[in-house]
């Protein structure tokens, strides 16, 4: 069962960029709670409290009870986090209310294990990850920390599909109409380069054979060597006249 974290917040009197900037100047992070057909709650959360939860990791798959007052707590899950482009701190958070049925849509990361037991990776293959996380529907209190994929025995050319992952009861993938790919074991780039080099070498070996037939053609029409007999049918040049005779 996922831990439900309680965090305190205060209601903001108004929305807008000016009010959000004012909240940040006071050391708070502006946020909004929406969903379940209820009006949006505009709140502010202490920046240090939010940062402590954010750096733990898996922030967007964690469930929070936001205490707007002593008598009012709202169970939510973060849906979107805006970060400062320089400091990389949260500057705004959108929270989604968790409904009565408790089923939410969340992205769960995929982890790959036993790399050393994969024949394909041992031969220099590459693990090509198509999806780093999988979106699922699940009860808010049963969010998996991660899905593990065992690479043991997988050779080059093998693919891992969503059907290879065992889903706990009550959990199902958002994409339900196809067995989509999670990752593949691809051939090493070096092997492709070796094959290309071998093909180039074969082409170079065939080139001299073609050149042999081209040599006579190249010689045709060339000037005869000095002292060589004129070609058949060619007219002889007239003899030079003796000196002194007209």
C-alpha atoms as a PDB file:
ATOM      1  CA  UNK A   1       0.000   0.000   0.000  1.00  0.00           C
ATOM      2  CA  UNK A   2       1.313   3.435  -0.976  1.00  0.00           C
ATOM      3  CA  UNK A   3       2.017   5.850   1.844  1.00  0.00           C
ATOM      4  CA  UNK A   4      -0.435   8.732   2.065  1.00  0.00           C
ATOM      5  CA  UNK A   5       1.469  11.911   2.876  1.00  0.00           C
ATOM      6  CA  UNK A   6      -0.187  14.799   4.673  1.00  0.00           C
ATOM      7  CA  UNK A   7       0.875  18.282   3.703  1.00  0.00           C
ATOM      8  CA  UNK A   8      -0.498  21.614   4.926  1.00  0.00           C
ATOM      9  CA  UNK A   9      -1.742  24.367   2.653  1.00  0.00           C
ATOM     10  CA  UNK A  10      -3.500  27.704   2.856  1.00  0.00           C
ATOM     11  CA  UNK A  11      -6.299  28.974   0.658  1.00  0.00           C
ATOM     12  CA  UNK A  12      -5.352  31.768  -1.716  1.00  0.00           C
ATOM     13  CA  UNK A  13      -7.846  34.609  -1.906  1.00  0.00           C
ATOM     14  CA  UNK A  14      -7.479  35.060  -5.653  1.00  0.00           C
ATOM     15  CA  UNK A  15      -5.947  33.517  -8.751  1.00  0.00           C
ATOM     16  CA  UNK A  16      -3.809  35.088 -11.469  1.00  0.00           C
ATOM     17  CA  UNK A  17      -0.139  35.746 -12.182  1.00  0.00           C
ATOM     18  CA  UNK A  18       0.116  38.611  -9.698  1.00  0.00           C
ATOM     19  CA  UNK A  19      -1.251  36.500  -6.842  1.00  0.00           C
ATOM     20  CA  UNK A  20       1.044  33.608  -7.805  1.00  0.00           C
ATOM     21  CA  UNK A  21       4.107  35.889  -7.760  1.00  0.00           C
ATOM     22  CA  UNK A  22       3.081  37.215  -4.364  1.00  0.00           C
ATOM     23  CA  UNK A  23       2.803  33.651  -3.005  1.00  0.00           C
ATOM     24  CA  UNK A  24       6.307  32.858  -4.278  1.00  0.00           C
ATOM     25  CA  UNK A  25       7.730  36.007  -2.687  1.00  0.00           C
ATOM     26  CA  UNK A  26       6.330  34.746   0.614  1.00  0.00           C
ATOM     27  CA  UNK A  27       8.171  31.425   0.186  1.00  0.00           C
ATOM     28  CA  UNK A  28       5.125  29.445  -0.944  1.00  0.00           C
ATOM     29  CA  UNK A  29       4.318  27.481  -4.084  1.00  0.00           C
ATOM     30  CA  UNK A  30       0.965  28.294  -5.733  1.00  0.00           C
ATOM     31  CA  UNK A  31      -1.175  25.264  -6.560  1.00  0.00           C
ATOM     32  CA  UNK A  32      -4.650  24.276  -7.661  1.00  0.00           C
ATOM     33  CA  UNK A  33      -6.837  21.249  -6.859  1.00  0.00           C
ATOM     34  CA  UNK A  34      -9.373  20.227  -9.514  1.00  0.00           C
ATOM     35  CA  UNK A  35     -11.465  17.273 -10.680  1.00  0.00           C
ATOM     36  CA  UNK A  36     -14.493  15.185  -9.645  1.00  0.00           C
ATOM     37  CA  UNK A  37     -16.848  17.871 -10.901  1.00  0.00           C
ATOM     38  CA  UNK A  38     -16.132  20.162  -7.956  1.00  0.00           C
ATOM     39  CA  UNK A  39     -14.952  23.796  -8.066  1.00  0.00           C
ATOM     40  CA  UNK A  40     -11.196  24.308  -8.208  1.00  0.00           C
ATOM     41  CA  UNK A  41      -9.421  24.983  -4.916  1.00  0.00           C
ATOM     42  CA  UNK A  42      -6.727  27.675  -5.213  1.00  0.00           C
ATOM     43  CA  UNK A  43      -4.087  27.069  -2.558  1.00  0.00           C
ATOM     44  CA  UNK A  44      -0.489  27.802  -1.564  1.00  0.00           C
ATOM     45  CA  UNK A  45       1.934  25.269  -0.050  1.00  0.00           C
ATOM     46  CA  UNK A  46       5.036  26.062   1.956  1.00  0.00           C
ATOM     47  CA  UNK A  47       7.971  25.861  -0.458  1.00  0.00           C
ATOM     48  CA  UNK A  48      10.281  23.939   1.895  1.00  0.00           C
ATOM     49  CA  UNK A  49       7.614  21.357   2.739  1.00  0.00           C
ATOM     50  CA  UNK A  50       6.872  20.773  -0.944  1.00  0.00           C
ATOM     51  CA  UNK A  51      10.565  20.585  -1.855  1.00  0.00           C
ATOM     52  CA  UNK A  52      11.184  17.869   0.764  1.00  0.00           C
ATOM     53  CA  UNK A  53       8.489  15.722  -0.832  1.00  0.00           C
ATOM     54  CA  UNK A  54       9.609  16.509  -4.387  1.00  0.00           C
ATOM     55  CA  UNK A  55      13.228  15.400  -3.905  1.00  0.00           C
ATOM     56  CA  UNK A  56      12.147  12.021  -2.529  1.00  0.00           C
ATOM     57  CA  UNK A  57      11.246  11.001  -6.074  1.00  0.00           C
ATOM     58  CA  UNK A  58       8.048   9.547  -7.560  1.00  0.00           C
ATOM     59  CA  UNK A  59       6.324  12.822  -6.738  1.00  0.00           C
ATOM     60  CA  UNK A  60       3.667  12.504  -9.454  1.00  0.00           C
ATOM     61  CA  UNK A  61       2.777   8.968  -8.332  1.00  0.00           C
ATOM     62  CA  UNK A  62       2.473   9.827  -4.631  1.00  0.00           C
ATOM     63  CA  UNK A  63      -0.857  10.348  -2.855  1.00  0.00           C
ATOM     64  CA  UNK A  64      -1.296  13.397  -0.596  1.00  0.00           C
ATOM     65  CA  UNK A  65      -3.856  14.506   1.937  1.00  0.00           C
ATOM     66  CA  UNK A  66      -3.817  18.283   1.625  1.00  0.00           C
ATOM     67  CA  UNK A  67      -4.995  19.948   4.836  1.00  0.00           C
ATOM     68  CA  UNK A  68      -6.457  23.266   3.751  1.00  0.00           C
ATOM     69  CA  UNK A  69      -7.768  23.708   7.312  1.00  0.00           C
ATOM     70  CA  UNK A  70      -8.086  21.608  10.468  1.00  0.00           C
ATOM     71  CA  UNK A  71     -11.505  20.414   9.368  1.00  0.00           C
ATOM     72  CA  UNK A  72     -10.860  20.043   5.637  1.00  0.00           C
ATOM     73  CA  UNK A  73      -8.540  17.515   3.993  1.00  0.00           C
ATOM     74  CA  UNK A  74      -8.544  16.715   0.293  1.00  0.00           C
ATOM     75  CA  UNK A  75      -6.996  13.481  -1.039  1.00  0.00           C
ATOM     76  CA  UNK A  76      -5.103  14.205  -4.257  1.00  0.00           C
ATOM     77  CA  UNK A  77      -2.357  13.087  -6.593  1.00  0.00           C
ATOM     78  CA  UNK A  78      -0.028  15.537  -8.433  1.00  0.00           C
ATOM     79  CA  UNK A  79      -0.900  15.757 -12.104  1.00  0.00           C
ATOM     80  CA  UNK A  80       1.474  18.448 -13.371  1.00  0.00           C
ATOM     81  CA  UNK A  81       4.514  20.227 -11.902  1.00  0.00           C
ATOM     82  CA  UNK A  82       6.067  23.387 -13.345  1.00  0.00           C
ATOM     83  CA  UNK A  83       9.748  23.876 -12.527  1.00  0.00           C
ATOM     84  CA  UNK A  84      11.900  26.975 -12.387  1.00  0.00           C
ATOM     85  CA  UNK A  85      14.116  26.829 -15.529  1.00  0.00           C
ATOM     86  CA  UNK A  86      17.209  27.902 -13.568  1.00  0.00           C
ATOM     87  CA  UNK A  87      16.826  26.572 -10.008  1.00  0.00           C
ATOM     88  CA  UNK A  88      14.787  23.484 -11.003  1.00  0.00           C
ATOM     89  CA  UNK A  89      12.433  24.009  -8.042  1.00  0.00           C
ATOM     90  CA  UNK A  90       8.640  23.582  -8.286  1.00  0.00           C
ATOM     91  CA  UNK A  91       6.907  26.890  -8.972  1.00  0.00           C
ATOM     92  CA  UNK A  92       3.360  25.577  -9.538  1.00  0.00           C
ATOM     93  CA  UNK A  93       1.547  22.282  -8.988  1.00  0.00           C
ATOM     94  CA  UNK A  94      -1.756  20.943 -10.316  1.00  0.00           C
ATOM     95  CA  UNK A  95      -3.380  18.345  -8.059  1.00  0.00           C
ATOM     96  CA  UNK A  96      -6.158  15.957  -9.121  1.00  0.00           C
ATOM     97  CA  UNK A  97      -8.831  14.970  -6.625  1.00  0.00           C
ATOM     98  CA  UNK A  98      -9.178  11.250  -5.971  1.00  0.00           C
ATOM     99  CA  UNK A  99     -12.771  10.136  -6.442  1.00  0.00           C
ATOM    100  CA  UNK A 100     -14.914   7.886  -4.291  1.00  0.00           C
ATOM    101  CA  UNK A 101     -13.991   4.777  -6.290  1.00  0.00           C
ATOM    102  CA  UNK A 102     -10.318   5.575  -5.623  1.00  0.00           C
ATOM    103  CA  UNK A 103      -9.218   4.606  -9.152  1.00  0.00           C
ATOM    104  CA  UNK A 104      -6.643   6.918 -10.714  1.00  0.00           C
ATOM    105  CA  UNK A 105      -4.559   7.083 -13.864  1.00  0.00           C
ATOM    106  CA  UNK A 106      -0.829   7.136 -13.189  1.00  0.00           C
ATOM    107  CA  UNK A 107       2.475   6.446 -14.977  1.00  0.00           C
ATOM    108  CA  UNK A 108       4.647   3.746 -13.365  1.00  0.00           C
ATOM    109  CA  UNK A 109       8.368   3.457 -14.252  1.00  0.00           C
ATOM    110  CA  UNK A 110       9.826   0.284 -15.798  1.00  0.00           C
ATOM    111  CA  UNK A 111      13.031  -1.233 -14.397  1.00  0.00           C
ATOM    112  CA  UNK A 112      15.157  -3.816 -16.195  1.00  0.00           C
ATOM    113  CA  UNK A 113      17.055  -6.493 -14.244  1.00  0.00           C
ATOM    114  CA  UNK A 114      19.597  -9.282 -14.938  1.00  0.00           C
ATOM    115  CA  UNK A 115      21.401  -7.487 -17.771  1.00  0.00           C
ATOM    116  CA  UNK A 116      24.384  -9.835 -17.276  1.00  0.00           C
ATOM    117  CA  UNK A 117      22.152 -12.886 -17.883  1.00  0.00           C
ATOM    118  CA  UNK A 118      21.032 -11.756 -21.349  1.00  0.00           C
ATOM    119  CA  UNK A 119      22.905 -13.597 -24.172  1.00  0.00           C
ATOM    120  CA  UNK A 120      22.073 -10.758 -26.559  1.00  0.00           C
ATOM    121  CA  UNK A 121      23.633  -8.088 -24.352  1.00  0.00           C
ATOM    122  CA  UNK A 122      26.669 -10.320 -23.721  1.00  0.00           C
ATOM    123  CA  UNK A 123      27.246 -10.500 -27.494  1.00  0.00           C
ATOM    124  CA  UNK A 124      27.307  -6.720 -27.679  1.00  0.00           C
ATOM    125  CA  UNK A 125      23.613  -6.119 -28.270  1.00  0.00           C
ATOM    126  CA  UNK A 126      21.867  -2.978 -27.071  1.00  0.00           C
ATOM    127  CA  UNK A 127      18.780  -2.664 -24.867  1.00  0.00           C
ATOM    128  CA  UNK A 128      16.484  -0.356 -26.814  1.00  0.00           C
ATOM    129  CA  UNK A 129      13.910   1.002 -24.338  1.00  0.00           C
ATOM    130  CA  UNK A 130      10.695   2.012 -26.107  1.00  0.00           C
ATOM    131  CA  UNK A 131       8.748   2.962 -22.953  1.00  0.00           C
ATOM    132  CA  UNK A 132      10.436   4.123 -19.754  1.00  0.00           C
ATOM    133  CA  UNK A 133       7.076   4.058 -17.964  1.00  0.00           C
ATOM    134  CA  UNK A 134       3.628   2.528 -18.411  1.00  0.00           C
ATOM    135  CA  UNK A 135       0.345   4.340 -17.781  1.00  0.00           C
ATOM    136  CA  UNK A 136      -2.155   2.324 -15.750  1.00  0.00           C
ATOM    137  CA  UNK A 137      -5.489   2.544 -13.991  1.00  0.00           C
ATOM    138  CA  UNK A 138      -5.230   1.458 -10.385  1.00  0.00           C
ATOM    139  CA  UNK A 139      -6.554   2.125  -6.865  1.00  0.00           C
ATOM    140  CA  UNK A 140      -4.824   5.144  -5.347  1.00  0.00           C
ATOM    141  CA  UNK A 141      -3.582   3.076  -2.387  1.00  0.00           C
ATOM    142  CA  UNK A 142      -2.027   0.339  -4.558  1.00  0.00           C
ATOM    143  CA  UNK A 143       0.255   2.264  -6.911  1.00  0.00           C
ATOM    144  CA  UNK A 144       3.253   0.035  -7.806  1.00  0.00           C
ATOM    145  CA  UNK A 145       6.662   1.577  -7.203  1.00  0.00           C
ATOM    146  CA  UNK A 146       7.846   0.143 -10.554  1.00  0.00           C
ATOM    147  CA  UNK A 147       7.338  -2.702 -13.011  1.00  0.00           C
ATOM    148  CA  UNK A 148      10.339  -5.057 -13.253  1.00  0.00           C
ATOM    149  CA  UNK A 149      11.381  -6.737 -16.502  1.00  0.00           C
ATOM    150  CA  UNK A 150      13.756  -9.716 -16.278  1.00  0.00           C
ATOM    151  CA  UNK A 151      16.232  -9.779 -19.196  1.00  0.00           C
ATOM    152  CA  UNK A 152      17.530 -13.268 -18.391  1.00  0.00           C
ATOM    153  CA  UNK A 153      17.778 -15.492 -21.490  1.00  0.00           C
ATOM    154  CA  UNK A 154      16.846 -12.767 -23.992  1.00  0.00           C
ATOM    155  CA  UNK A 155      18.877 -12.785 -27.210  1.00  0.00           C
ATOM    156  CA  UNK A 156      19.285 -10.266 -30.030  1.00  0.00           C
ATOM    157  CA  UNK A 157      16.015  -9.720 -31.861  1.00  0.00           C
ATOM    158  CA  UNK A 158      13.782 -10.441 -28.856  1.00  0.00           C
ATOM    159  CA  UNK A 159      11.086  -7.953 -27.802  1.00  0.00           C
ATOM    160  CA  UNK A 160       9.453  -7.376 -24.419  1.00  0.00           C
ATOM    161  CA  UNK A 161       5.716  -6.601 -24.612  1.00  0.00           C
ATOM    162  CA  UNK A 162       3.247  -5.419 -21.994  1.00  0.00           C
ATOM    163  CA  UNK A 163       1.926  -8.989 -21.801  1.00  0.00           C
ATOM    164  CA  UNK A 164       5.299  -9.960 -20.279  1.00  0.00           C
ATOM    165  CA  UNK A 165       4.528  -7.821 -17.208  1.00  0.00           C
ATOM    166  CA  UNK A 166       2.307  -9.384 -14.576  1.00  0.00           C
ATOM    167  CA  UNK A 167      -0.284  -6.851 -13.430  1.00  0.00           C
ATOM    168  CA  UNK A 168      -1.571  -7.128  -9.837  1.00  0.00           C
ATOM    169  CA  UNK A 169      -5.319  -7.502  -9.300  1.00  0.00           C
ATOM    170  CA  UNK A 170      -7.264  -4.304  -9.890  1.00  0.00           C
ATOM    171  CA  UNK A 171      -4.533  -2.793 -12.085  1.00  0.00           C
ATOM    172  CA  UNK A 172      -4.762  -2.554 -15.866  1.00  0.00           C
ATOM    173  CA  UNK A 173      -2.841  -0.652 -18.563  1.00  0.00           C
ATOM    174  CA  UNK A 174      -4.453   2.414 -20.117  1.00  0.00           C
ATOM    175  CA  UNK A 175      -3.706   1.013 -23.597  1.00  0.00           C
ATOM    176  CA  UNK A 176      -5.849  -2.096 -23.587  1.00  0.00           C
ATOM    177  CA  UNK A 177      -6.385  -2.887 -27.268  1.00  0.00           C
ATOM    178  CA  UNK A 178      -2.873  -4.011 -28.232  1.00  0.00           C
ATOM    179  CA  UNK A 179       0.177  -5.791 -26.863  1.00  0.00           C
ATOM    180  CA  UNK A 180       2.514  -2.813 -27.119  1.00  0.00           C
ATOM    181  CA  UNK A 181       6.310  -3.038 -26.956  1.00  0.00           C
ATOM    182  CA  UNK A 182       8.258  -2.052 -23.851  1.00  0.00           C
ATOM    183  CA  UNK A 183      11.807  -2.731 -25.107  1.00  0.00           C
ATOM    184  CA  UNK A 184      13.846  -4.744 -27.622  1.00  0.00           C
ATOM    185  CA  UNK A 185      17.326  -6.308 -27.739  1.00  0.00           C
ATOM    186  CA  UNK A 186      18.889  -4.786 -30.847  1.00  0.00           C
ATOM    187  CA  UNK A 187      22.077  -5.840 -32.661  1.00  0.00           C
ATOM    188  CA  UNK A 188      25.284  -3.991 -31.920  1.00  0.00           C
ATOM    189  CA  UNK A 189      26.167  -1.076 -34.178  1.00  0.00           C
ATOM    190  CA  UNK A 190      29.695  -2.488 -34.579  1.00  0.00           C
ATOM    191  CA  UNK A 191      28.290  -5.597 -36.304  1.00  0.00           C
ATOM    192  CA  UNK A 192      26.479  -3.425 -38.847  1.00  0.00           C
ATOM    193  CA  UNK A 193      29.654  -1.445 -39.549  1.00  0.00           C
ATOM    194  CA  UNK A 194      31.632  -4.692 -40.040  1.00  0.00           C
ATOM    195  CA  UNK A 195      29.063  -5.960 -42.533  1.00  0.00           C
ATOM    196  CA  UNK A 196      29.233  -2.667 -44.442  1.00  0.00           C
ATOM    197  CA  UNK A 197      33.042  -2.803 -44.524  1.00  0.00           C
ATOM    198  CA  UNK A 198      32.930  -6.386 -45.871  1.00  0.00           C
ATOM    199  CA  UNK A 199      30.560  -5.292 -48.637  1.00  0.00           C
ATOM    200  CA  UNK A 200      32.879  -2.415 -49.570  1.00  0.00           C
ATOM    201  CA  UNK A 201      35.856  -4.815 -49.707  1.00  0.00           C
ATOM    202  CA  UNK A 202      33.975  -7.143 -52.098  1.00  0.00           C
ATOM    203  CA  UNK A 203      33.198  -4.191 -54.352  1.00  0.00           C
ATOM    204  CA  UNK A 204      36.865  -3.137 -54.370  1.00  0.00           C
ATOM    205  CA  UNK A 205      37.970  -6.699 -55.304  1.00  0.00           C
ATOM    206  CA  UNK A 206      35.587  -6.741 -58.283  1.00  0.00           C
ATOM    207  CA  UNK A 207      36.909  -3.426 -59.636  1.00  0.00           C
ATOM    208  CA  UNK A 208      40.283  -4.756 -61.112  1.00  0.00           C
ATOM    209  CA  UNK A 209      38.436  -7.452 -63.072  1.00  0.00           C
ATOM    210  CA  UNK A 210      36.354  -4.798 -64.776  1.00  0.00           C
ATOM    211  CA  UNK A 211      39.463  -2.710 -65.412  1.00  0.00           C
ATOM    212  CA  UNK A 212      41.098  -5.560 -67.456  1.00  0.00           C
ATOM    213  CA  UNK A 213      38.441  -5.347 -70.133  1.00  0.00           C
ATOM    214  CA  UNK A 214      38.626  -1.603 -70.185  1.00  0.00           C
ATOM    215  CA  UNK A 215      42.384  -1.471 -70.924  1.00  0.00           C
ATOM    216  CA  UNK A 216      42.222  -2.393 -74.682  1.00  0.00           C
ATOM    217  CA  UNK A 217      39.438   0.088 -75.184  1.00  0.00           C
ATOM    218  CA  UNK A 218      41.497   2.796 -73.576  1.00  0.00           C
ATOM    219  CA  UNK A 219      44.469   1.991 -75.862  1.00  0.00           C
ATOM    220  CA  UNK A 220      42.377   2.300 -79.030  1.00  0.00           C
ATOM    221  CA  UNK A 221      43.168   5.500 -80.876  1.00  0.00           C
ATOM    222  CA  UNK A 222      46.408   6.092 -78.956  1.00  0.00           C
ATOM    223  CA  UNK A 223      49.419   7.443 -80.915  1.00  0.00           C
ATOM    224  CA  UNK A 224      51.835   4.678 -82.140  1.00  0.00           C
ATOM    225  CA  UNK A 225      55.211   4.429 -80.528  1.00  0.00           C
ATOM    226  CA  UNK A 226      58.281   5.943 -82.218  1.00  0.00           C
ATOM    227  CA  UNK A 227      59.527   3.703 -85.038  1.00  0.00           C
ATOM    228  CA  UNK A 228      56.390   1.598 -85.143  1.00  0.00           C
ATOM    229  CA  UNK A 229      55.008   0.576 -88.530  1.00  0.00           C
ATOM    230  CA  UNK A 230      52.016   2.606 -89.773  1.00  0.00           C
ATOM    231  CA  UNK A 231      48.656   0.998 -89.440  1.00  0.00           C
ATOM    232  CA  UNK A 232      47.254  -0.889 -92.446  1.00  0.00           C
ATOM    233  CA  UNK A 233      45.494   1.396 -94.964  1.00  0.00           C
ATOM    234  CA  UNK A 234      47.290   4.498 -93.771  1.00  0.00           C
ATOM    235  CA  UNK A 235      49.003   6.695 -96.432  1.00  0.00           C
ATOM    236  CA  UNK A 236      52.788   7.029 -96.220  1.00  0.00           C
ATOM    237  CA  UNK A 237      54.191  10.517 -95.847  1.00  0.00           C
ATOM    238  CA  UNK A 238      56.049  11.826 -98.991  1.00  0.00           C
ATOM    239  CA  UNK A 239      59.844  11.492 -98.951  1.00  0.00           C
ATOM    240  CA  UNK A 240      61.878  14.607 -98.301  1.00  0.00           C
ATOM    241  CA  UNK A 241      63.587  16.199-101.358  1.00  0.00           C
ATOM    242  CA  UNK A 242      67.444  16.194-101.506  1.00  0.00           C
ATOM    243  CA  UNK A 243      69.028  19.423-100.509  1.00  0.00           C
ATOM    244  CA  UNK A 244      70.017  21.737-103.396  1.00  0.00           C
ATOM    245  CA  UNK A 245      67.578  20.357-105.980  1.00  0.00           C
ATOM    246  CA  UNK A 246      64.625  22.278-107.192  1.00  0.00           C
END
